[in-house]
Amino acid sequence: MSAPPPGQESMRDLAAAYALGALSAEEAERFEAFLASSPETQREVAELRDAAALLAVGQVDVAPSADLRDRMLARIRQDTVVPISQAAGAGARRTRVFPVYWGALAASFVAVAALAWSLAGLRDRVTDLQQTVATRDAALAERQRMLDEREATLDRLLEPGVKLYQLTASGDPEPGIQLFWNQQRNTAIIHGYRLKPVPSGREYQLWFIKDGKPVPSVTFKPEPDGHAKVEQIQVPAGGALSAAAVTVEPAGGSPQPTSPILLVAALPS
């Protein structure tokens, strides 16, 4: 590339100040007259504006081009600047003054970059806090759901007409199943404790002995701690109930028991 005509390089020194809006109206008018005839300076001004805009919105990972950065650093190190009134003339003499424009540019970019990094850190911190709050809120919501569920179950157990029957294995108190029978609503709740796990493809099944015959009811599996709870169980009506029993059946239940009774309790006729 051929060397620029005298005065053009000095005018290019003002590109950063122009990009940052640091020129006076008169200086900006003179610079724009030069800018119209210098495609290279136009590209430099566009790059400087893009870099400043990216920094301002926190996009600090996007840097100006290497060529522009090298030119900026070289000019920032200079300790002289040419007044715009002298820059337009050919062979203008450099006048020693403090580096106003490039010093301002350097300070501005450093300040904006620091602010951008700070904002990026704050965004990360806010994101972390939002995740922490979301996790806490989810845990609180789940705890509240469990409390509401327990309260609703307790309310049903305390309703008038609810009677408790204990299903045991040959008189052994553990494992066991408590059957809460609401005789007014003809519904039941069962609560099992210390139940043994069942093989894959198998489940516990509840039976009501009505008129001497087993009537199939719900199936269930215990939790890892041996507990199990089933609510809103319909109790057979229209006959004499003599007992409630539990067997182990294929998953989904059986129409008739296929294994020995594990737990049983007598029910009043």
Protein backbone atom coordinates (compact mmCIF):
# COMPACT_ATOMS: atom_id res chain seq x y z
CA MET A 1 0.00 0.00 0.00
CA SER A 2 1.35 3.45 -0.91
CA ALA A 3 2.06 5.95 1.82
CA PRO A 4 -0.83 8.31 2.57
CA PRO A 5 -0.60 11.93 1.40
CA PRO A 6 0.72 14.37 3.98
CA GLY A 7 -1.75 15.11 6.68
CA GLN A 8 -3.94 12.05 6.13
CA GLU A 9 -2.23 9.93 8.79
CA SER A 10 -2.68 12.79 11.25
CA MET A 11 -6.35 13.02 10.39
CA ARG A 12 -6.66 9.26 10.92
CA ASP A 13 -5.36 9.83 14.45
CA LEU A 14 -8.72 11.44 15.18
CA ALA A 15 -10.75 8.37 14.17
CA ALA A 16 -11.04 7.09 17.74
CA ALA A 17 -12.11 10.43 19.13
CA TYR A 18 -14.67 10.75 16.33
CA ALA A 19 -15.98 7.22 16.98
CA LEU A 20 -16.41 8.07 20.66
CA GLY A 21 -18.06 11.43 19.92
CA ALA A 22 -15.20 13.36 21.53
CA LEU A 23 -14.74 15.93 18.74
CA SER A 24 -16.31 19.37 18.75
CA ALA A 25 -18.85 20.20 16.08
CA GLU A 26 -16.26 22.08 14.02
CA GLU A 27 -13.68 19.33 14.38
CA ALA A 28 -16.24 16.66 13.50
CA GLU A 29 -17.22 18.58 10.36
CA ARG A 30 -13.60 18.80 9.20
CA PHE A 31 -12.97 15.15 10.00
CA GLU A 32 -16.08 14.04 8.11
CA ALA A 33 -14.85 15.91 5.05
CA PHE A 34 -11.64 13.89 5.26
CA LEU A 35 -13.55 10.70 6.09
CA ALA A 36 -15.57 10.87 2.87
CA SER A 37 -12.37 10.45 0.85
CA SER A 38 -10.72 7.73 2.98
CA PRO A 39 -12.29 4.24 2.78
CA GLU A 40 -9.60 2.89 5.12
CA THR A 41 -10.49 5.43 7.80
CA GLN A 42 -14.18 4.68 7.28
CA ARG A 43 -13.48 1.00 8.04
CA GLU A 44 -11.45 1.99 11.10
CA VAL A 45 -14.23 4.20 12.46
CA ALA A 46 -16.76 1.40 11.89
CA GLU A 47 -14.52 -1.10 13.74
CA LEU A 48 -14.02 1.29 16.63
CA ARG A 49 -17.75 1.90 16.95
CA ASP A 50 -18.48 -1.83 16.80
CA ALA A 51 -15.86 -2.54 19.47
CA ALA A 52 -17.24 0.17 21.76
CA ALA A 53 -20.79 -1.12 21.27
CA LEU A 54 -19.78 -4.70 22.04
CA LEU A 55 -18.00 -3.61 25.19
CA ALA A 56 -20.97 -1.53 26.25
CA VAL A 57 -23.31 -4.53 26.11
CA GLY A 58 -20.87 -6.83 27.84
CA GLN A 59 -19.66 -8.80 24.80
CA VAL A 60 -16.09 -8.66 26.02
CA ASP A 61 -15.21 -11.92 24.31
CA VAL A 62 -15.49 -10.18 20.92
CA ALA A 63 -12.38 -8.09 20.26
CA PRO A 64 -11.49 -5.57 17.50
CA SER A 65 -9.37 -6.86 14.62
CA ALA A 66 -5.68 -7.49 15.32
CA ASP A 67 -4.66 -4.73 12.87
CA LEU A 68 -6.91 -2.17 14.54
CA ARG A 69 -5.71 -3.20 18.00
CA ASP A 70 -2.05 -2.84 16.97
CA ARG A 71 -2.67 0.62 15.52
CA MET A 72 -4.54 1.71 18.66
CA LEU A 73 -1.74 0.53 20.95
CA ALA A 74 0.92 2.20 18.82
CA ARG A 75 -0.91 5.51 18.89
CA ILE A 76 -1.71 5.36 22.57
CA ARG A 77 2.02 5.16 23.29
CA GLN A 78 2.67 8.41 21.42
CA ASP A 79 3.07 11.48 23.56
CA THR A 80 2.14 13.99 20.84
CA VAL A 81 -1.01 14.78 18.93
CA VAL A 82 -1.60 17.11 16.00
CA PRO A 83 -4.29 19.78 16.45
CA ILE A 84 -7.00 19.37 13.87
CA SER A 85 -6.42 22.94 12.65
CA GLN A 86 -2.89 21.93 11.56
CA ALA A 87 -3.67 18.31 10.54
CA ALA A 88 -5.44 19.30 7.34
CA GLY A 89 -2.45 21.12 5.89
CA ALA A 90 0.27 19.32 3.92
CA GLY A 91 3.51 18.94 5.82
CA ALA A 92 1.93 20.12 9.04
CA ARG A 93 4.34 20.50 11.96
CA ARG A 94 3.62 18.29 14.98
CA THR A 95 2.95 20.31 18.12
CA ARG A 96 3.78 18.70 21.48
CA VAL A 97 0.62 18.50 23.61
CA PHE A 98 -0.71 15.85 25.96
CA PRO A 99 -2.39 12.91 24.11
CA VAL A 100 -5.98 13.99 24.63
CA TYR A 101 -7.80 11.86 22.11
CA TRP A 102 -5.94 8.57 22.35
CA GLY A 103 -5.58 8.95 26.10
CA ALA A 104 -9.33 9.44 26.33
CA LEU A 105 -9.86 6.46 24.05
CA ALA A 106 -7.64 4.21 26.16
CA ALA A 107 -9.29 5.31 29.39
CA SER A 108 -12.76 4.89 27.90
CA PHE A 109 -12.10 1.39 26.60
CA VAL A 110 -10.49 0.31 29.85
CA ALA A 111 -13.40 1.68 31.88
CA VAL A 112 -16.04 0.16 29.61
CA ALA A 113 -14.21 -3.18 29.52
CA ALA A 114 -14.01 -3.23 33.32
CA LEU A 115 -17.70 -2.40 33.55
CA ALA A 116 -18.52 -5.12 31.03
CA TRP A 117 -16.54 -7.72 32.99
CA SER A 118 -18.26 -6.58 36.16
CA LEU A 119 -21.68 -6.86 34.53
CA ALA A 120 -20.81 -10.32 33.19
CA GLY A 121 -19.82 -11.42 36.68
CA LEU A 122 -23.02 -10.00 38.11
CA ARG A 123 -25.08 -11.82 35.47
CA ASP A 124 -23.40 -15.10 36.40
CA ARG A 125 -24.02 -14.41 40.08
CA VAL A 126 -27.68 -13.57 39.43
CA THR A 127 -28.05 -16.78 37.39
CA ASP A 128 -26.55 -18.83 40.23
CA LEU A 129 -28.85 -17.15 42.75
CA GLN A 130 -31.88 -17.74 40.54
CA GLN A 131 -31.00 -21.44 40.27
CA THR A 132 -30.54 -21.65 44.03
CA VAL A 133 -33.88 -19.95 44.65
CA ALA A 134 -35.61 -22.19 42.09
CA THR A 135 -34.18 -25.31 43.76
CA ARG A 136 -35.24 -24.07 47.19
CA ASP A 137 -38.73 -23.18 45.95
CA ALA A 138 -39.11 -26.63 44.37
CA ALA A 139 -38.06 -28.30 47.62
CA LEU A 140 -40.46 -26.13 49.64
CA ALA A 141 -43.28 -26.84 47.19
CA GLU A 142 -42.67 -30.59 47.46
CA ARG A 143 -42.55 -30.39 51.25
CA GLN A 144 -45.78 -28.39 51.28
CA ARG A 145 -47.40 -30.96 48.97
CA MET A 146 -46.43 -33.77 51.33
CA LEU A 147 -47.72 -31.85 54.35
CA ASP A 148 -51.01 -31.14 52.58
CA GLU A 149 -51.31 -34.79 51.63
CA ARG A 150 -50.63 -35.95 55.18
CA GLU A 151 -53.11 -33.44 56.57
CA ALA A 152 -55.78 -34.62 54.14
CA THR A 153 -55.09 -38.25 55.08
CA LEU A 154 -55.26 -37.39 58.79
CA ASP A 155 -58.58 -35.62 58.25
CA ARG A 156 -59.98 -38.74 56.58
CA LEU A 157 -58.70 -40.97 59.40
CA LEU A 158 -60.38 -38.76 62.01
CA GLU A 159 -63.76 -38.68 60.31
CA PRO A 160 -66.66 -40.14 62.30
CA GLY A 161 -67.28 -43.81 61.62
CA VAL A 162 -63.65 -44.73 60.80
CA LYS A 163 -62.47 -47.95 62.45
CA LEU A 164 -58.98 -49.43 62.54
CA TYR A 165 -58.19 -53.10 61.81
CA GLN A 166 -54.71 -54.63 61.95
CA LEU A 167 -53.65 -57.14 59.31
CA THR A 168 -50.81 -59.34 60.64
CA ALA A 169 -48.95 -62.49 59.69
CA SER A 170 -50.02 -65.32 62.02
CA GLY A 171 -50.22 -62.91 64.97
CA ASP A 172 -46.79 -61.39 64.36
CA PRO A 173 -47.09 -57.58 64.76
CA GLU A 174 -44.44 -56.95 62.04
CA PRO A 175 -44.73 -56.65 59.17
CA GLY A 176 -48.24 -55.33 59.30
CA ILE A 177 -50.93 -53.37 57.51
CA GLN A 178 -53.38 -51.01 59.15
CA LEU A 179 -56.78 -50.87 57.48
CA PHE A 180 -58.86 -47.76 58.26
CA TRP A 181 -62.43 -48.49 57.25
CA ASN A 182 -64.85 -45.59 56.93
CA GLN A 183 -68.10 -47.48 57.38
CA GLN A 184 -70.22 -44.43 56.61
CA ARG A 185 -68.56 -43.83 53.22
CA ASN A 186 -67.70 -47.52 52.71
CA THR A 187 -64.13 -46.62 51.76
CA ALA A 188 -60.81 -47.68 53.25
CA ILE A 189 -57.19 -46.58 53.62
CA ILE A 190 -54.36 -49.07 54.10
CA HIS A 191 -50.99 -48.24 55.61
CA GLY A 192 -48.29 -50.89 55.50
CA TYR A 193 -45.03 -50.90 57.44
CA ARG A 194 -41.89 -53.04 57.35
CA LEU A 195 -43.19 -54.87 54.33
CA LYS A 196 -40.70 -57.05 52.50
CA PRO A 197 -39.90 -56.19 48.88
CA VAL A 198 -41.59 -58.32 46.24
CA PRO A 199 -39.89 -59.89 43.19
CA SER A 200 -39.97 -58.17 39.83
CA GLY A 201 -43.35 -58.61 38.15
CA ARG A 202 -45.12 -59.25 41.46
CA GLU A 203 -47.22 -57.03 43.76
CA TYR A 204 -49.12 -57.21 47.02
CA GLN A 205 -52.88 -57.52 46.53
CA LEU A 206 -55.65 -56.73 49.00
CA TRP A 207 -58.69 -59.02 49.26
CA PHE A 208 -61.99 -58.65 51.07
CA ILE A 209 -63.64 -61.90 52.14
CA LYS A 210 -67.31 -61.41 51.36
CA ASP A 211 -69.87 -64.16 51.95
CA GLY A 212 -66.94 -66.54 52.37
CA LYS A 213 -65.36 -65.71 48.98
CA PRO A 214 -62.34 -63.48 48.17
CA VAL A 215 -63.14 -60.25 46.34
CA PRO A 216 -60.08 -58.71 44.60
CA SER A 217 -59.14 -55.17 45.51
CA VAL A 218 -56.09 -52.89 44.97
CA THR A 219 -52.49 -53.91 44.29
CA PHE A 220 -49.45 -52.05 45.62
CA LYS A 221 -45.69 -52.19 46.16
CA PRO A 222 -43.86 -51.00 49.27
CA GLU A 223 -41.32 -48.20 49.25
CA PRO A 224 -37.66 -49.08 49.88
CA ASP A 225 -38.21 -48.42 53.60
CA GLY A 226 -41.05 -50.96 53.70
CA HIS A 227 -43.91 -48.46 53.89
CA ALA A 228 -46.96 -48.41 51.63
CA LYS A 229 -50.14 -46.34 51.56
CA VAL A 230 -53.25 -46.61 49.40
CA GLU A 231 -56.29 -44.38 49.81
CA GLN A 232 -59.84 -44.23 48.49
CA ILE A 233 -60.26 -48.03 48.42
CA GLN A 234 -63.83 -49.11 47.69
CA VAL A 235 -65.09 -51.68 50.19
CA PRO A 236 -67.49 -54.26 48.75
CA ALA A 237 -71.08 -53.69 49.72
CA GLY A 238 -74.19 -55.85 49.65
CA GLY A 239 -72.97 -58.78 51.67
CA ALA A 240 -71.28 -59.93 54.84
CA LEU A 241 -67.58 -59.05 55.16
CA SER A 242 -65.67 -61.40 57.41
CA ALA A 243 -62.00 -60.55 56.77
CA ALA A 244 -59.41 -58.58 54.82
CA ALA A 245 -56.28 -60.32 53.57
CA VAL A 246 -53.13 -59.73 51.52
CA THR A 247 -51.31 -62.05 49.12
CA VAL A 248 -48.52 -61.66 46.57
CA GLU A 249 -49.83 -61.80 42.99
CA PRO A 250 -48.63 -61.09 39.46
CA ALA A 251 -48.36 -57.36 38.63
CA GLY A 252 -51.82 -55.94 37.98
CA GLY A 253 -53.53 -58.40 40.31
CA SER A 254 -55.42 -61.67 39.99
CA PRO A 255 -59.16 -62.43 39.97
CA GLN A 256 -58.50 -65.22 42.50
CA PRO A 257 -55.60 -65.67 44.96
CA THR A 258 -52.68 -67.64 43.50
CA SER A 259 -50.48 -67.67 46.61
CA PRO A 260 -50.95 -68.22 50.35
CA ILE A 261 -52.32 -65.44 52.54
CA LEU A 262 -49.55 -63.38 54.13
CA LEU A 263 -51.53 -60.91 56.26
CA VAL A 264 -55.08 -61.13 57.50
CA ALA A 265 -57.52 -59.42 59.88
CA ALA A 266 -61.02 -60.34 60.91
CA LEU A 267 -63.73 -57.78 60.13
CA PRO A 268 -67.06 -57.50 62.02
CA SER A 269 -70.04 -58.98 60.28
